[in-house]
Amino acid sequence: MRPSFIQVAAMCLRPGAAGPEVLLIQTLTRKLWMIPKGWPMKGLTLAEAAAQEAWEEAGVRGQICSEPFGSFNYTKIKNSGLPVQCRAQVFRLDVTETHDTYPEAAKRTRRWVSPAEAARMVKTPGLARLFQDM
């Protein structure tokens, strides 16, 4: 069996009236709810790459933790249609800024929800467990 590809992801959090809220975005093709994620970037640590993905995909900036919060496995369908196994290293990002203008603003929907609601909305079991453990 081929090893999983490593990706980075940002668990974006902010305080809400009823407790902490997490940020979900919709994927580009299947419109599933997910957290910002992507490939490692040359010249950036994994945590810095996760923060960059949060900016590009969700328009948020903040304080990123240097150690992973957790991880989850999922199957990514590449543009060629080929499925590949990925393991996303998740880094906590405490959001301090939210912008309406960001690189993928026209392509994505974002939503702030409670961790419990996020666990119900996402289709990736490992990611749902991360929300349930919060």
N, C-alpha and C. Protein backbone atom coordinates (compact mmCIF):
# COMPACT_ATOMS: atom_id res chain seq x y z
N MET A 1 0.85 -1.19 0.00
CA MET A 1 0.00 0.00 0.00
C MET A 1 0.88 1.24 0.00
N ARG A 2 0.55 2.19 -0.82
CA ARG A 2 1.29 3.44 -0.94
C ARG A 2 1.05 4.31 0.29
N PRO A 3 2.10 4.99 0.82
CA PRO A 3 1.89 5.87 1.98
C PRO A 3 1.01 7.07 1.62
N SER A 4 0.36 7.62 2.63
CA SER A 4 -0.50 8.79 2.43
C SER A 4 0.32 10.03 2.10
N PHE A 5 -0.25 10.90 1.28
CA PHE A 5 0.34 12.21 1.02
C PHE A 5 0.06 13.09 2.24
N ILE A 6 1.03 13.91 2.62
CA ILE A 6 0.85 14.82 3.75
C ILE A 6 0.25 16.14 3.26
N GLN A 7 -0.78 16.60 3.94
CA GLN A 7 -1.34 17.92 3.72
C GLN A 7 -1.33 18.67 5.04
N VAL A 8 -1.60 19.96 4.97
CA VAL A 8 -1.69 20.80 6.16
C VAL A 8 -3.10 21.37 6.22
N ALA A 9 -3.58 21.62 7.42
CA ALA A 9 -4.92 22.16 7.61
C ALA A 9 -4.93 23.08 8.80
N ALA A 10 -5.85 24.05 8.78
CA ALA A 10 -5.98 25.02 9.87
C ALA A 10 -7.33 24.84 10.55
N MET A 11 -7.29 24.60 11.86
CA MET A 11 -8.49 24.57 12.70
C MET A 11 -8.66 26.00 13.20
N CYS A 12 -9.49 26.78 12.51
CA CYS A 12 -9.66 28.20 12.80
C CYS A 12 -10.72 28.38 13.87
N LEU A 13 -10.34 29.05 14.97
CA LEU A 13 -11.23 29.22 16.12
C LEU A 13 -11.38 30.70 16.47
N ARG A 14 -12.57 31.03 16.99
CA ARG A 14 -12.81 32.36 17.55
C ARG A 14 -13.81 32.20 18.69
N PRO A 15 -13.80 33.16 19.64
CA PRO A 15 -14.81 33.11 20.70
C PRO A 15 -16.18 33.50 20.15
N GLY A 16 -17.20 32.82 20.59
CA GLY A 16 -18.57 33.13 20.19
C GLY A 16 -19.42 33.38 21.42
N ALA A 17 -20.63 33.85 21.23
CA ALA A 17 -21.52 34.16 22.34
C ALA A 17 -21.84 32.93 23.18
N ALA A 18 -21.92 31.75 22.53
CA ALA A 18 -22.27 30.52 23.24
C ALA A 18 -21.08 29.59 23.42
N GLY A 19 -19.88 30.10 23.22
CA GLY A 19 -18.68 29.27 23.33
C GLY A 19 -17.85 29.37 22.06
N PRO A 20 -16.79 28.57 21.96
CA PRO A 20 -15.92 28.68 20.80
C PRO A 20 -16.64 28.31 19.51
N GLU A 21 -16.23 28.98 18.43
CA GLU A 21 -16.76 28.70 17.10
C GLU A 21 -15.59 28.30 16.20
N VAL A 22 -15.87 27.38 15.27
CA VAL A 22 -14.88 26.95 14.29
C VAL A 22 -15.34 27.36 12.91
N LEU A 23 -14.39 27.54 12.02
CA LEU A 23 -14.68 27.99 10.66
C LEU A 23 -14.66 26.81 9.71
N LEU A 24 -15.76 26.64 8.97
CA LEU A 24 -15.83 25.65 7.91
C LEU A 24 -15.94 26.37 6.57
N ILE A 25 -15.37 25.75 5.55
CA ILE A 25 -15.51 26.26 4.18
C ILE A 25 -15.98 25.11 3.30
N GLN A 26 -16.56 25.45 2.17
CA GLN A 26 -16.98 24.41 1.24
C GLN A 26 -15.86 24.10 0.26
N THR A 27 -15.71 22.80 -0.06
CA THR A 27 -14.73 22.39 -1.06
C THR A 27 -15.17 22.90 -2.42
N LEU A 28 -14.20 23.01 -3.33
CA LEU A 28 -14.48 23.62 -4.63
C LEU A 28 -15.40 22.79 -5.51
N THR A 29 -15.18 21.50 -5.62
CA THR A 29 -15.95 20.72 -6.58
C THR A 29 -17.17 20.03 -5.98
N ARG A 30 -17.01 19.37 -4.86
CA ARG A 30 -18.12 18.60 -4.28
C ARG A 30 -18.94 19.39 -3.28
N LYS A 31 -18.49 20.59 -2.91
CA LYS A 31 -19.21 21.48 -2.00
C LYS A 31 -19.44 20.86 -0.63
N LEU A 32 -18.49 20.04 -0.18
CA LEU A 32 -18.55 19.46 1.16
C LEU A 32 -17.96 20.44 2.16
N TRP A 33 -18.41 20.38 3.41
CA TRP A 33 -17.85 21.24 4.45
C TRP A 33 -16.53 20.66 4.93
N MET A 34 -15.52 21.54 5.10
CA MET A 34 -14.15 21.14 5.42
C MET A 34 -13.49 22.33 6.11
N ILE A 35 -12.31 22.10 6.66
CA ILE A 35 -11.49 23.20 7.17
C ILE A 35 -10.48 23.56 6.09
N PRO A 36 -9.92 24.77 6.12
CA PRO A 36 -8.91 25.14 5.11
C PRO A 36 -7.73 24.17 5.16
N LYS A 37 -7.33 23.70 3.97
CA LYS A 37 -6.22 22.75 3.91
C LYS A 37 -5.57 22.81 2.54
N GLY A 38 -4.37 22.23 2.47
CA GLY A 38 -3.66 22.21 1.20
C GLY A 38 -2.33 21.51 1.35
N TRP A 39 -1.48 21.70 0.37
CA TRP A 39 -0.18 21.03 0.32
C TRP A 39 0.86 21.85 1.07
N PRO A 40 1.89 21.18 1.62
CA PRO A 40 3.01 21.93 2.21
C PRO A 40 3.60 22.88 1.16
N MET A 41 4.20 23.96 1.63
CA MET A 41 4.74 24.98 0.73
C MET A 41 6.23 25.16 0.98
N LYS A 42 6.98 25.22 -0.11
CA LYS A 42 8.42 25.40 -0.01
C LYS A 42 8.72 26.71 0.72
N GLY A 43 9.65 26.65 1.67
CA GLY A 43 10.06 27.82 2.42
C GLY A 43 9.21 28.12 3.64
N LEU A 44 8.12 27.36 3.86
CA LEU A 44 7.25 27.56 5.01
C LEU A 44 7.22 26.30 5.86
N THR A 45 7.11 26.46 7.17
CA THR A 45 6.88 25.29 8.03
C THR A 45 5.48 24.77 7.73
N LEU A 46 5.16 23.59 8.22
CA LEU A 46 3.81 23.06 8.02
C LEU A 46 2.77 23.97 8.66
N ALA A 47 3.06 24.51 9.85
CA ALA A 47 2.14 25.42 10.51
C ALA A 47 1.95 26.70 9.69
N GLU A 48 3.04 27.26 9.17
CA GLU A 48 2.94 28.47 8.36
C GLU A 48 2.14 28.22 7.08
N ALA A 49 2.32 27.04 6.49
CA ALA A 49 1.56 26.69 5.29
C ALA A 49 0.07 26.58 5.62
N ALA A 50 -0.26 26.02 6.78
CA ALA A 50 -1.66 25.93 7.20
C ALA A 50 -2.26 27.32 7.36
N ALA A 51 -1.50 28.24 7.95
CA ALA A 51 -1.97 29.62 8.12
C ALA A 51 -2.18 30.29 6.75
N GLN A 52 -1.31 30.01 5.82
CA GLN A 52 -1.44 30.56 4.47
C GLN A 52 -2.70 30.02 3.79
N GLU A 53 -2.97 28.73 3.96
CA GLU A 53 -4.20 28.15 3.40
C GLU A 53 -5.44 28.80 4.02
N ALA A 54 -5.40 29.08 5.33
CA ALA A 54 -6.53 29.74 5.99
C ALA A 54 -6.79 31.11 5.37
N TRP A 55 -5.72 31.82 5.05
CA TRP A 55 -5.88 33.13 4.40
C TRP A 55 -6.45 32.97 3.00
N GLU A 56 -5.84 32.11 2.19
CA GLU A 56 -6.24 31.98 0.79
C GLU A 56 -7.66 31.44 0.63
N GLU A 57 -8.02 30.44 1.43
CA GLU A 57 -9.31 29.77 1.27
C GLU A 57 -10.45 30.37 2.10
N ALA A 58 -10.10 31.05 3.22
CA ALA A 58 -11.16 31.52 4.12
C ALA A 58 -11.05 32.99 4.52
N GLY A 59 -9.95 33.65 4.18
CA GLY A 59 -9.83 35.08 4.48
C GLY A 59 -9.62 35.39 5.94
N VAL A 60 -8.99 34.47 6.67
CA VAL A 60 -8.72 34.72 8.09
C VAL A 60 -7.22 34.71 8.37
N ARG A 61 -6.84 35.50 9.37
CA ARG A 61 -5.46 35.53 9.85
C ARG A 61 -5.51 35.44 11.37
N GLY A 62 -4.39 35.01 11.95
CA GLY A 62 -4.35 34.91 13.40
C GLY A 62 -3.07 34.27 13.87
N GLN A 63 -3.12 33.79 15.10
CA GLN A 63 -1.96 33.16 15.74
C GLN A 63 -2.03 31.65 15.50
N ILE A 64 -1.02 31.13 14.80
CA ILE A 64 -0.98 29.69 14.50
C ILE A 64 -0.09 28.98 15.50
N CYS A 65 -0.53 27.82 15.98
CA CYS A 65 0.30 27.00 16.87
C CYS A 65 1.31 26.23 16.03
N SER A 66 2.52 26.10 16.54
CA SER A 66 3.57 25.44 15.77
C SER A 66 3.47 23.92 15.82
N GLU A 67 2.79 23.37 16.80
CA GLU A 67 2.63 21.92 16.92
C GLU A 67 1.24 21.51 16.44
N PRO A 68 1.12 20.36 15.78
CA PRO A 68 -0.20 19.94 15.30
C PRO A 68 -1.19 19.73 16.44
N PHE A 69 -2.42 20.10 16.18
CA PHE A 69 -3.55 19.89 17.09
C PHE A 69 -4.02 18.44 16.99
N GLY A 70 -3.86 17.87 15.81
CA GLY A 70 -4.29 16.50 15.52
C GLY A 70 -4.10 16.24 14.04
N SER A 71 -4.72 15.18 13.54
CA SER A 71 -4.64 14.85 12.12
C SER A 71 -5.85 14.02 11.74
N PHE A 72 -6.10 13.93 10.44
CA PHE A 72 -7.16 13.07 9.93
C PHE A 72 -6.78 12.58 8.54
N ASN A 73 -7.32 11.43 8.18
CA ASN A 73 -7.09 10.83 6.86
C ASN A 73 -8.32 11.04 6.00
N TYR A 74 -8.11 11.20 4.71
CA TYR A 74 -9.22 11.30 3.78
C TYR A 74 -8.74 10.95 2.38
N THR A 75 -9.67 10.74 1.48
CA THR A 75 -9.35 10.46 0.09
C THR A 75 -9.59 11.72 -0.72
N LYS A 76 -8.56 12.16 -1.41
CA LYS A 76 -8.65 13.34 -2.28
C LYS A 76 -8.78 12.85 -3.72
N ILE A 77 -9.72 13.43 -4.44
CA ILE A 77 -9.87 13.11 -5.86
C ILE A 77 -9.11 14.19 -6.63
N LYS A 78 -8.02 13.78 -7.27
CA LYS A 78 -7.20 14.73 -8.03
C LYS A 78 -7.94 15.17 -9.30
N ASN A 79 -7.45 16.24 -9.94
CA ASN A 79 -8.08 16.74 -11.16
C ASN A 79 -8.19 15.67 -12.23
N SER A 80 -7.25 14.73 -12.23
CA SER A 80 -7.25 13.64 -13.21
C SER A 80 -8.35 12.61 -12.92
N GLY A 81 -8.98 12.72 -11.73
CA GLY A 81 -9.98 11.74 -11.32
C GLY A 81 -9.41 10.63 -10.46
N LEU A 82 -8.08 10.61 -10.32
CA LEU A 82 -7.40 9.58 -9.53
C LEU A 82 -7.56 9.87 -8.04
N PRO A 83 -8.04 8.90 -7.26
CA PRO A 83 -8.13 9.10 -5.81
C PRO A 83 -6.77 8.84 -5.16
N VAL A 84 -6.39 9.70 -4.22
CA VAL A 84 -5.15 9.51 -3.46
C VAL A 84 -5.47 9.65 -1.98
N GLN A 85 -4.76 8.87 -1.16
CA GLN A 85 -4.94 8.93 0.28
C GLN A 85 -4.09 10.06 0.84
N CYS A 86 -4.69 10.90 1.67
CA CYS A 86 -3.99 12.04 2.28
C CYS A 86 -4.14 11.97 3.80
N ARG A 87 -3.12 12.46 4.47
CA ARG A 87 -3.16 12.64 5.93
C ARG A 87 -2.93 14.12 6.18
N ALA A 88 -3.93 14.80 6.71
CA ALA A 88 -3.84 16.23 6.98
C ALA A 88 -3.39 16.47 8.42
N GLN A 89 -2.28 17.18 8.57
CA GLN A 89 -1.81 17.62 9.88
C GLN A 89 -2.56 18.91 10.20
N VAL A 90 -3.26 18.95 11.32
CA VAL A 90 -4.13 20.07 11.67
C VAL A 90 -3.44 20.95 12.71
N PHE A 91 -3.39 22.26 12.41
CA PHE A 91 -2.79 23.24 13.31
C PHE A 91 -3.87 24.22 13.76
N ARG A 92 -3.91 24.50 15.04
CA ARG A 92 -4.88 25.45 15.59
C ARG A 92 -4.48 26.86 15.19
N LEU A 93 -5.47 27.63 14.71
CA LEU A 93 -5.27 29.03 14.38
C LEU A 93 -6.30 29.84 15.14
N ASP A 94 -5.85 30.67 16.10
CA ASP A 94 -6.74 31.54 16.84
C ASP A 94 -6.92 32.81 15.99
N VAL A 95 -8.11 32.97 15.44
CA VAL A 95 -8.39 34.02 14.47
C VAL A 95 -8.45 35.38 15.15
N THR A 96 -7.71 36.35 14.56
CA THR A 96 -7.72 37.73 15.03
C THR A 96 -8.27 38.68 13.97
N GLU A 97 -8.29 38.24 12.71
CA GLU A 97 -8.78 39.08 11.61
C GLU A 97 -9.60 38.24 10.64
N THR A 98 -10.73 38.78 10.21
CA THR A 98 -11.55 38.16 9.17
C THR A 98 -11.77 39.19 8.07
N HIS A 99 -11.46 38.81 6.84
CA HIS A 99 -11.59 39.72 5.69
C HIS A 99 -12.61 39.18 4.71
N ASP A 100 -13.30 40.09 4.03
CA ASP A 100 -14.26 39.69 3.01
C ASP A 100 -13.61 39.58 1.64
N THR A 101 -12.45 40.19 1.46
CA THR A 101 -11.70 40.11 0.21
C THR A 101 -10.46 39.27 0.46
N TYR A 102 -10.37 38.13 -0.21
CA TYR A 102 -9.24 37.21 -0.08
C TYR A 102 -9.17 36.38 -1.37
N PRO A 103 -8.08 35.67 -1.61
CA PRO A 103 -7.87 35.03 -2.92
C PRO A 103 -9.01 34.14 -3.42
N GLU A 104 -9.65 33.35 -2.58
CA GLU A 104 -10.70 32.43 -3.06
C GLU A 104 -12.10 32.84 -2.62
N ALA A 105 -12.30 34.12 -2.33
CA ALA A 105 -13.60 34.60 -1.84
C ALA A 105 -14.73 34.29 -2.81
N ALA A 106 -14.48 34.40 -4.10
CA ALA A 106 -15.54 34.18 -5.09
C ALA A 106 -15.84 32.69 -5.30
N LYS A 107 -14.97 31.81 -4.80
CA LYS A 107 -15.11 30.38 -5.04
C LYS A 107 -15.65 29.59 -3.85
N ARG A 108 -15.63 30.19 -2.66
CA ARG A 108 -15.92 29.42 -1.45
C ARG A 108 -17.00 30.08 -0.60
N THR A 109 -17.74 29.23 0.11
CA THR A 109 -18.67 29.67 1.14
C THR A 109 -18.03 29.32 2.47
N ARG A 110 -18.11 30.23 3.43
CA ARG A 110 -17.56 29.94 4.76
C ARG A 110 -18.66 30.12 5.80
N ARG A 111 -18.51 29.38 6.90
CA ARG A 111 -19.52 29.44 7.95
C ARG A 111 -18.85 29.19 9.31
N TRP A 112 -19.20 30.03 10.29
CA TRP A 112 -18.76 29.82 11.68
C TRP A 112 -19.84 29.04 12.40
N VAL A 113 -19.43 27.94 13.07
CA VAL A 113 -20.38 27.08 13.78
C VAL A 113 -19.74 26.58 15.07
N SER A 114 -20.54 26.00 15.94
CA SER A 114 -20.01 25.36 17.14
C SER A 114 -19.25 24.09 16.74
N PRO A 115 -18.30 23.64 17.57
CA PRO A 115 -17.63 22.37 17.26
C PRO A 115 -18.61 21.21 17.10
N ALA A 116 -19.66 21.17 17.91
CA ALA A 116 -20.64 20.08 17.81
C ALA A 116 -21.36 20.12 16.46
N GLU A 117 -21.74 21.31 16.00
CA GLU A 117 -22.40 21.43 14.70
C GLU A 117 -21.43 21.07 13.59
N ALA A 118 -20.17 21.50 13.71
CA ALA A 118 -19.15 21.17 12.70
C ALA A 118 -19.00 19.66 12.58
N ALA A 119 -19.00 18.96 13.72
CA ALA A 119 -18.86 17.50 13.70
C ALA A 119 -20.00 16.85 12.92
N ARG A 120 -21.19 17.44 12.98
CA ARG A 120 -22.33 16.90 12.22
C ARG A 120 -22.25 17.27 10.74
N MET A 121 -21.65 18.40 10.41
CA MET A 121 -21.64 18.90 9.04
C MET A 121 -20.58 18.24 8.15
N VAL A 122 -19.43 17.90 8.72
CA VAL A 122 -18.35 17.35 7.90
C VAL A 122 -18.59 15.88 7.61
N LYS A 123 -18.12 15.42 6.46
CA LYS A 123 -18.30 14.03 6.05
C LYS A 123 -17.07 13.17 6.33
N THR A 124 -15.96 13.77 6.77
CA THR A 124 -14.73 13.05 7.03
C THR A 124 -14.73 12.62 8.49
N PRO A 125 -14.81 11.31 8.78
CA PRO A 125 -14.94 10.85 10.17
C PRO A 125 -13.80 11.32 11.08
N GLY A 126 -12.57 11.29 10.62
CA GLY A 126 -11.46 11.71 11.47
C GLY A 126 -11.53 13.18 11.83
N LEU A 127 -11.99 14.01 10.90
CA LEU A 127 -12.15 15.44 11.19
C LEU A 127 -13.32 15.63 12.16
N ALA A 128 -14.39 14.91 11.98
CA ALA A 128 -15.54 15.00 12.89
C ALA A 128 -15.10 14.66 14.32
N ARG A 129 -14.24 13.64 14.47
CA ARG A 129 -13.75 13.27 15.80
C ARG A 129 -12.94 14.40 16.44
N LEU A 130 -12.15 15.13 15.63
CA LEU A 130 -11.40 16.27 16.18
C LEU A 130 -12.35 17.31 16.75
N PHE A 131 -13.45 17.58 16.06
CA PHE A 131 -14.44 18.53 16.57
C PHE A 131 -15.11 18.00 17.83
N GLN A 132 -15.42 16.71 17.86
CA GLN A 132 -16.08 16.10 19.02
C GLN A 132 -15.19 16.14 20.26
N ASP A 133 -13.89 16.10 20.05
CA ASP A 133 -12.93 16.09 21.18
C ASP A 133 -12.63 17.50 21.72
N MET A 134 -13.21 18.52 21.13
CA MET A 134 -12.91 19.89 21.55
C MET A 134 -13.66 20.24 22.82
